[in-house]
Amino acid sequence: MKMIYVSLGFLTLGLGVIGIILPVLPTTPFLLLTLYFFSKGSDKFHQWFINTKLYHKYLKRFAEERSMTRKQKWSLMIFVDCILLTTIIITNQPIVTIILIIIAAIKYLYFFTQVKTI
């Protein structure tokens, strides 16, 4: 199981790095996933990742102070909204739609009340 987390960590790290180059792909959500996957999969890779320039530039402030720039917040929220919307379209189930709308509302409430904007 740990190998799966490490593999997913490297996959999301790669997508995050691509997101730095391509403005269409958001960086922060993928790097947050990388942090999560490495923390679950390997202390060695987790420590390595939190010592990288990527972590310090994009995630350190959020991890330590629970704050993000306005651009990071909106990038993350829009990316997640696209995923939720895609799921709604693909499933076309009323109960799934209701649940995902509630999740989206909670996400916005969380980001506007619990994560400081810098």
N, C-alpha and C. Protein backbone atom coordinates (compact mmCIF):
# COMPACT_ATOMS: atom_id res chain seq x y z
N MET A 1 0.82 -1.20 0.00
CA MET A 1 0.00 0.00 0.00
C MET A 1 0.86 1.26 0.00
N LYS A 2 1.96 1.22 0.76
CA LYS A 2 2.83 2.40 0.81
C LYS A 2 3.43 2.71 -0.56
N MET A 3 3.69 1.66 -1.34
CA MET A 3 4.25 1.87 -2.67
C MET A 3 3.24 2.60 -3.57
N ILE A 4 1.97 2.32 -3.37
CA ILE A 4 0.93 3.01 -4.15
C ILE A 4 0.93 4.50 -3.80
N TYR A 5 1.01 4.81 -2.49
CA TYR A 5 1.06 6.22 -2.07
C TYR A 5 2.28 6.93 -2.66
N VAL A 6 3.43 6.28 -2.62
CA VAL A 6 4.64 6.88 -3.16
C VAL A 6 4.49 7.09 -4.67
N SER A 7 3.95 6.10 -5.37
CA SER A 7 3.74 6.23 -6.83
C SER A 7 2.78 7.37 -7.14
N LEU A 8 1.70 7.44 -6.40
CA LEU A 8 0.75 8.55 -6.60
C LEU A 8 1.40 9.89 -6.25
N GLY A 9 2.28 9.88 -5.26
CA GLY A 9 3.01 11.09 -4.90
C GLY A 9 3.87 11.59 -6.06
N PHE A 10 4.58 10.70 -6.70
CA PHE A 10 5.40 11.11 -7.84
C PHE A 10 4.56 11.52 -9.05
N LEU A 11 3.44 10.84 -9.24
CA LEU A 11 2.53 11.23 -10.33
C LEU A 11 2.01 12.65 -10.12
N THR A 12 1.52 12.93 -8.90
CA THR A 12 0.99 14.28 -8.65
C THR A 12 2.10 15.32 -8.61
N LEU A 13 3.28 14.93 -8.21
CA LEU A 13 4.43 15.85 -8.26
C LEU A 13 4.71 16.23 -9.71
N GLY A 14 4.73 15.24 -10.59
CA GLY A 14 4.95 15.51 -12.02
C GLY A 14 3.88 16.43 -12.59
N LEU A 15 2.63 16.17 -12.24
CA LEU A 15 1.54 17.04 -12.73
C LEU A 15 1.68 18.45 -12.16
N GLY A 16 2.11 18.54 -10.91
CA GLY A 16 2.32 19.87 -10.31
C GLY A 16 3.42 20.64 -11.00
N VAL A 17 4.50 19.96 -11.34
CA VAL A 17 5.61 20.61 -12.05
C VAL A 17 5.16 21.04 -13.45
N ILE A 18 4.39 20.19 -14.11
CA ILE A 18 3.85 20.57 -15.43
C ILE A 18 2.95 21.80 -15.28
N GLY A 19 2.21 21.88 -14.16
CA GLY A 19 1.34 23.02 -13.90
C GLY A 19 2.10 24.33 -13.74
N ILE A 20 3.35 24.26 -13.35
CA ILE A 20 4.17 25.47 -13.26
C ILE A 20 4.41 26.02 -14.66
N ILE A 21 4.61 25.12 -15.61
CA ILE A 21 4.92 25.52 -16.99
C ILE A 21 3.64 25.85 -17.76
N LEU A 22 2.61 25.04 -17.60
CA LEU A 22 1.35 25.25 -18.31
C LEU A 22 0.32 25.91 -17.39
N PRO A 23 -0.06 27.14 -17.67
CA PRO A 23 -1.00 27.83 -16.77
C PRO A 23 -2.39 27.18 -16.72
N VAL A 24 -2.71 26.31 -17.66
CA VAL A 24 -4.01 25.66 -17.68
C VAL A 24 -4.12 24.64 -16.55
N LEU A 25 -3.01 24.02 -16.19
CA LEU A 25 -2.98 22.99 -15.15
C LEU A 25 -2.54 23.63 -13.83
N PRO A 26 -3.38 23.56 -12.79
CA PRO A 26 -3.01 24.22 -11.53
C PRO A 26 -1.91 23.46 -10.79
N THR A 27 -1.03 24.19 -10.15
CA THR A 27 0.11 23.60 -9.45
C THR A 27 -0.24 23.20 -8.02
N THR A 28 -0.83 24.10 -7.28
CA THR A 28 -1.04 23.91 -5.85
C THR A 28 -1.82 22.64 -5.49
N PRO A 29 -2.95 22.35 -6.16
CA PRO A 29 -3.68 21.13 -5.76
C PRO A 29 -2.85 19.86 -5.93
N PHE A 30 -2.08 19.80 -6.99
CA PHE A 30 -1.26 18.60 -7.22
C PHE A 30 -0.14 18.50 -6.19
N LEU A 31 0.44 19.63 -5.82
CA LEU A 31 1.50 19.59 -4.81
C LEU A 31 0.93 19.26 -3.43
N LEU A 32 -0.28 19.71 -3.14
CA LEU A 32 -0.94 19.33 -1.89
C LEU A 32 -1.17 17.81 -1.85
N LEU A 33 -1.59 17.26 -2.98
CA LEU A 33 -1.76 15.81 -3.06
C LEU A 33 -0.42 15.10 -2.89
N THR A 34 0.63 15.65 -3.48
CA THR A 34 1.96 15.08 -3.33
C THR A 34 2.35 15.02 -1.86
N LEU A 35 2.14 16.11 -1.17
CA LEU A 35 2.44 16.17 0.26
C LEU A 35 1.67 15.10 1.02
N TYR A 36 0.40 14.96 0.73
CA TYR A 36 -0.43 13.95 1.39
C TYR A 36 0.07 12.54 1.08
N PHE A 37 0.27 12.24 -0.20
CA PHE A 37 0.68 10.89 -0.58
C PHE A 37 2.04 10.52 0.00
N PHE A 38 2.99 11.45 -0.03
CA PHE A 38 4.30 11.14 0.53
C PHE A 38 4.23 10.98 2.05
N SER A 39 3.37 11.75 2.71
CA SER A 39 3.25 11.61 4.17
C SER A 39 2.68 10.25 4.54
N LYS A 40 1.81 9.70 3.69
CA LYS A 40 1.23 8.38 3.95
C LYS A 40 2.15 7.25 3.49
N GLY A 41 2.96 7.50 2.47
CA GLY A 41 3.73 6.43 1.87
C GLY A 41 5.14 6.25 2.35
N SER A 42 5.82 7.36 2.68
CA SER A 42 7.24 7.23 3.01
C SER A 42 7.73 8.46 3.76
N ASP A 43 8.29 8.23 4.94
CA ASP A 43 8.88 9.35 5.69
C ASP A 43 10.05 9.96 4.91
N LYS A 44 10.80 9.11 4.25
CA LYS A 44 11.97 9.56 3.48
C LYS A 44 11.55 10.53 2.37
N PHE A 45 10.55 10.14 1.57
CA PHE A 45 10.10 11.01 0.49
C PHE A 45 9.37 12.24 1.02
N HIS A 46 8.66 12.07 2.12
CA HIS A 46 7.98 13.22 2.74
C HIS A 46 9.01 14.28 3.18
N GLN A 47 10.06 13.83 3.87
CA GLN A 47 11.11 14.75 4.30
C GLN A 47 11.81 15.37 3.11
N TRP A 48 12.07 14.58 2.09
CA TRP A 48 12.69 15.11 0.88
C TRP A 48 11.82 16.21 0.27
N PHE A 49 10.52 15.92 0.15
CA PHE A 49 9.62 16.88 -0.50
C PHE A 49 9.51 18.18 0.28
N ILE A 50 9.41 18.10 1.61
CA ILE A 50 9.26 19.35 2.37
C ILE A 50 10.56 20.17 2.41
N ASN A 51 11.65 19.60 1.91
CA ASN A 51 12.90 20.36 1.81
C ASN A 51 13.16 20.88 0.40
N THR A 52 12.22 20.65 -0.54
CA THR A 52 12.40 21.14 -1.90
C THR A 52 11.97 22.60 -2.04
N LYS A 53 12.47 23.25 -3.08
CA LYS A 53 12.07 24.63 -3.37
C LYS A 53 10.58 24.70 -3.73
N LEU A 54 10.07 23.65 -4.38
CA LEU A 54 8.64 23.62 -4.73
C LEU A 54 7.78 23.73 -3.48
N TYR A 55 8.09 22.94 -2.48
CA TYR A 55 7.32 22.97 -1.24
C TYR A 55 7.39 24.36 -0.61
N HIS A 56 8.60 24.90 -0.52
CA HIS A 56 8.77 26.19 0.12
C HIS A 56 8.07 27.32 -0.63
N LYS A 57 8.05 27.24 -1.94
CA LYS A 57 7.42 28.29 -2.73
C LYS A 57 5.90 28.18 -2.75
N TYR A 58 5.37 26.97 -2.86
CA TYR A 58 3.94 26.81 -3.09
C TYR A 58 3.13 26.33 -1.88
N LEU A 59 3.75 25.63 -0.93
CA LEU A 59 2.96 25.01 0.12
C LEU A 59 3.33 25.37 1.55
N LYS A 60 4.53 25.80 1.79
CA LYS A 60 5.00 25.99 3.16
C LYS A 60 4.09 26.91 3.95
N ARG A 61 3.75 28.03 3.38
CA ARG A 61 2.90 28.99 4.08
C ARG A 61 1.56 28.37 4.44
N PHE A 62 0.97 27.63 3.49
CA PHE A 62 -0.31 26.99 3.77
C PHE A 62 -0.17 25.94 4.87
N ALA A 63 0.85 25.12 4.78
CA ALA A 63 1.04 24.04 5.75
C ALA A 63 1.30 24.58 7.16
N GLU A 64 2.02 25.68 7.25
CA GLU A 64 2.38 26.20 8.57
C GLU A 64 1.41 27.26 9.10
N GLU A 65 0.88 28.10 8.21
CA GLU A 65 0.06 29.22 8.65
C GLU A 65 -1.39 29.14 8.21
N ARG A 66 -1.73 28.11 7.44
CA ARG A 66 -3.08 27.97 6.88
C ARG A 66 -3.48 29.24 6.13
N SER A 67 -2.59 29.68 5.26
CA SER A 67 -2.87 30.85 4.44
C SER A 67 -2.40 30.61 3.01
N MET A 68 -3.08 31.25 2.06
CA MET A 68 -2.75 31.12 0.65
C MET A 68 -2.95 32.48 -0.02
N THR A 69 -2.31 32.64 -1.16
CA THR A 69 -2.57 33.85 -1.93
C THR A 69 -3.96 33.70 -2.59
N ARG A 70 -4.52 34.81 -2.96
CA ARG A 70 -5.83 34.78 -3.62
C ARG A 70 -5.78 33.94 -4.89
N LYS A 71 -4.69 34.07 -5.65
CA LYS A 71 -4.53 33.29 -6.88
C LYS A 71 -4.48 31.79 -6.59
N GLN A 72 -3.76 31.38 -5.54
CA GLN A 72 -3.69 29.97 -5.17
C GLN A 72 -5.06 29.44 -4.77
N LYS A 73 -5.78 30.24 -3.98
CA LYS A 73 -7.11 29.82 -3.55
C LYS A 73 -8.03 29.59 -4.74
N TRP A 74 -8.10 30.58 -5.62
CA TRP A 74 -9.02 30.46 -6.76
C TRP A 74 -8.59 29.36 -7.71
N SER A 75 -7.31 29.20 -7.90
CA SER A 75 -6.81 28.12 -8.76
C SER A 75 -7.25 26.77 -8.21
N LEU A 76 -7.08 26.58 -6.93
CA LEU A 76 -7.46 25.33 -6.29
C LEU A 76 -8.97 25.12 -6.35
N MET A 77 -9.74 26.16 -6.02
CA MET A 77 -11.20 26.02 -6.00
C MET A 77 -11.78 25.76 -7.39
N ILE A 78 -11.27 26.43 -8.39
CA ILE A 78 -11.77 26.23 -9.75
C ILE A 78 -11.41 24.84 -10.25
N PHE A 79 -10.20 24.39 -9.94
CA PHE A 79 -9.79 23.05 -10.34
C PHE A 79 -10.72 21.99 -9.72
N VAL A 80 -10.98 22.11 -8.44
CA VAL A 80 -11.86 21.15 -7.77
C VAL A 80 -13.28 21.26 -8.31
N ASP A 81 -13.74 22.49 -8.59
CA ASP A 81 -15.07 22.66 -9.18
C ASP A 81 -15.18 21.95 -10.53
N CYS A 82 -14.13 22.01 -11.33
CA CYS A 82 -14.14 21.32 -12.63
C CYS A 82 -14.26 19.81 -12.44
N ILE A 83 -13.55 19.28 -11.46
CA ILE A 83 -13.63 17.85 -11.18
C ILE A 83 -15.04 17.49 -10.72
N LEU A 84 -15.61 18.28 -9.81
CA LEU A 84 -16.96 18.02 -9.33
C LEU A 84 -17.98 18.12 -10.46
N LEU A 85 -17.84 19.14 -11.30
CA LEU A 85 -18.77 19.32 -12.41
C LEU A 85 -18.67 18.15 -13.40
N THR A 86 -17.47 17.71 -13.68
CA THR A 86 -17.28 16.57 -14.57
C THR A 86 -17.96 15.33 -14.00
N THR A 87 -17.82 15.13 -12.70
CA THR A 87 -18.47 13.98 -12.06
C THR A 87 -19.98 14.08 -12.15
N ILE A 88 -20.52 15.28 -11.95
CA ILE A 88 -21.96 15.49 -12.05
C ILE A 88 -22.45 15.16 -13.46
N ILE A 89 -21.72 15.62 -14.45
CA ILE A 89 -22.11 15.39 -15.85
C ILE A 89 -22.04 13.90 -16.21
N ILE A 90 -20.96 13.25 -15.78
CA ILE A 90 -20.77 11.84 -16.13
C ILE A 90 -21.80 10.95 -15.44
N THR A 91 -22.05 11.18 -14.15
CA THR A 91 -22.96 10.29 -13.43
C THR A 91 -24.42 10.57 -13.73
N ASN A 92 -24.77 11.85 -13.87
CA ASN A 92 -26.15 12.24 -14.18
C ASN A 92 -27.15 11.61 -13.21
N GLN A 93 -26.79 11.60 -11.94
CA GLN A 93 -27.65 11.06 -10.88
C GLN A 93 -28.01 12.20 -9.92
N PRO A 94 -29.29 12.44 -9.67
CA PRO A 94 -29.70 13.55 -8.80
C PRO A 94 -29.07 13.51 -7.40
N ILE A 95 -28.99 12.35 -6.79
CA ILE A 95 -28.42 12.27 -5.44
C ILE A 95 -26.94 12.61 -5.45
N VAL A 96 -26.22 12.16 -6.47
CA VAL A 96 -24.79 12.49 -6.60
C VAL A 96 -24.64 13.99 -6.80
N THR A 97 -25.48 14.57 -7.62
CA THR A 97 -25.44 16.02 -7.88
C THR A 97 -25.64 16.79 -6.58
N ILE A 98 -26.61 16.40 -5.79
CA ILE A 98 -26.89 17.09 -4.52
C ILE A 98 -25.70 16.97 -3.58
N ILE A 99 -25.15 15.78 -3.45
CA ILE A 99 -24.00 15.57 -2.57
C ILE A 99 -22.81 16.41 -3.01
N LEU A 100 -22.54 16.44 -4.31
CA LEU A 100 -21.38 17.20 -4.81
C LEU A 100 -21.59 18.70 -4.68
N ILE A 101 -22.81 19.18 -4.80
CA ILE A 101 -23.09 20.61 -4.59
C ILE A 101 -22.87 20.96 -3.12
N ILE A 102 -23.26 20.08 -2.22
CA ILE A 102 -23.02 20.31 -0.80
C ILE A 102 -21.52 20.33 -0.51
N ILE A 103 -20.78 19.40 -1.12
CA ILE A 103 -19.33 19.38 -0.94
C ILE A 103 -18.70 20.68 -1.46
N ALA A 104 -19.16 21.15 -2.60
CA ALA A 104 -18.63 22.41 -3.16
C ALA A 104 -18.93 23.58 -2.22
N ALA A 105 -20.12 23.62 -1.67
CA ALA A 105 -20.48 24.70 -0.75
C ALA A 105 -19.61 24.67 0.50
N ILE A 106 -19.38 23.47 1.03
CA ILE A 106 -18.52 23.32 2.21
C ILE A 106 -17.10 23.75 1.89
N LYS A 107 -16.63 23.40 0.70
CA LYS A 107 -15.28 23.79 0.27
C LYS A 107 -15.14 25.31 0.25
N TYR A 108 -16.11 26.00 -0.35
CA TYR A 108 -16.05 27.47 -0.39
C TYR A 108 -16.13 28.06 1.01
N LEU A 109 -17.00 27.52 1.84
CA LEU A 109 -17.12 28.00 3.21
C LEU A 109 -15.79 27.84 3.95
N TYR A 110 -15.17 26.68 3.78
CA TYR A 110 -13.88 26.43 4.43
C TYR A 110 -12.81 27.42 3.95
N PHE A 111 -12.70 27.58 2.64
CA PHE A 111 -11.63 28.44 2.12
C PHE A 111 -11.85 29.91 2.46
N PHE A 112 -13.09 30.33 2.57
CA PHE A 112 -13.34 31.74 2.90
C PHE A 112 -13.32 32.01 4.39
N THR A 113 -13.47 30.99 5.23
CA THR A 113 -13.49 31.24 6.68
C THR A 113 -12.29 30.69 7.41
N GLN A 114 -11.64 29.64 6.91
CA GLN A 114 -10.56 28.99 7.64
C GLN A 114 -9.16 29.21 7.06
N VAL A 115 -9.07 29.56 5.79
CA VAL A 115 -7.77 29.78 5.16
C VAL A 115 -7.60 31.27 4.91
N LYS A 116 -6.58 31.84 5.57
CA LYS A 116 -6.32 33.28 5.43
C LYS A 116 -5.84 33.58 4.00
N THR A 117 -6.26 34.74 3.51
CA THR A 117 -5.78 35.21 2.20
C THR A 117 -4.63 36.19 2.45
N ILE A 118 -3.53 35.94 1.74
CA ILE A 118 -2.37 36.84 1.88
C ILE A 118 -2.13 37.59 0.60
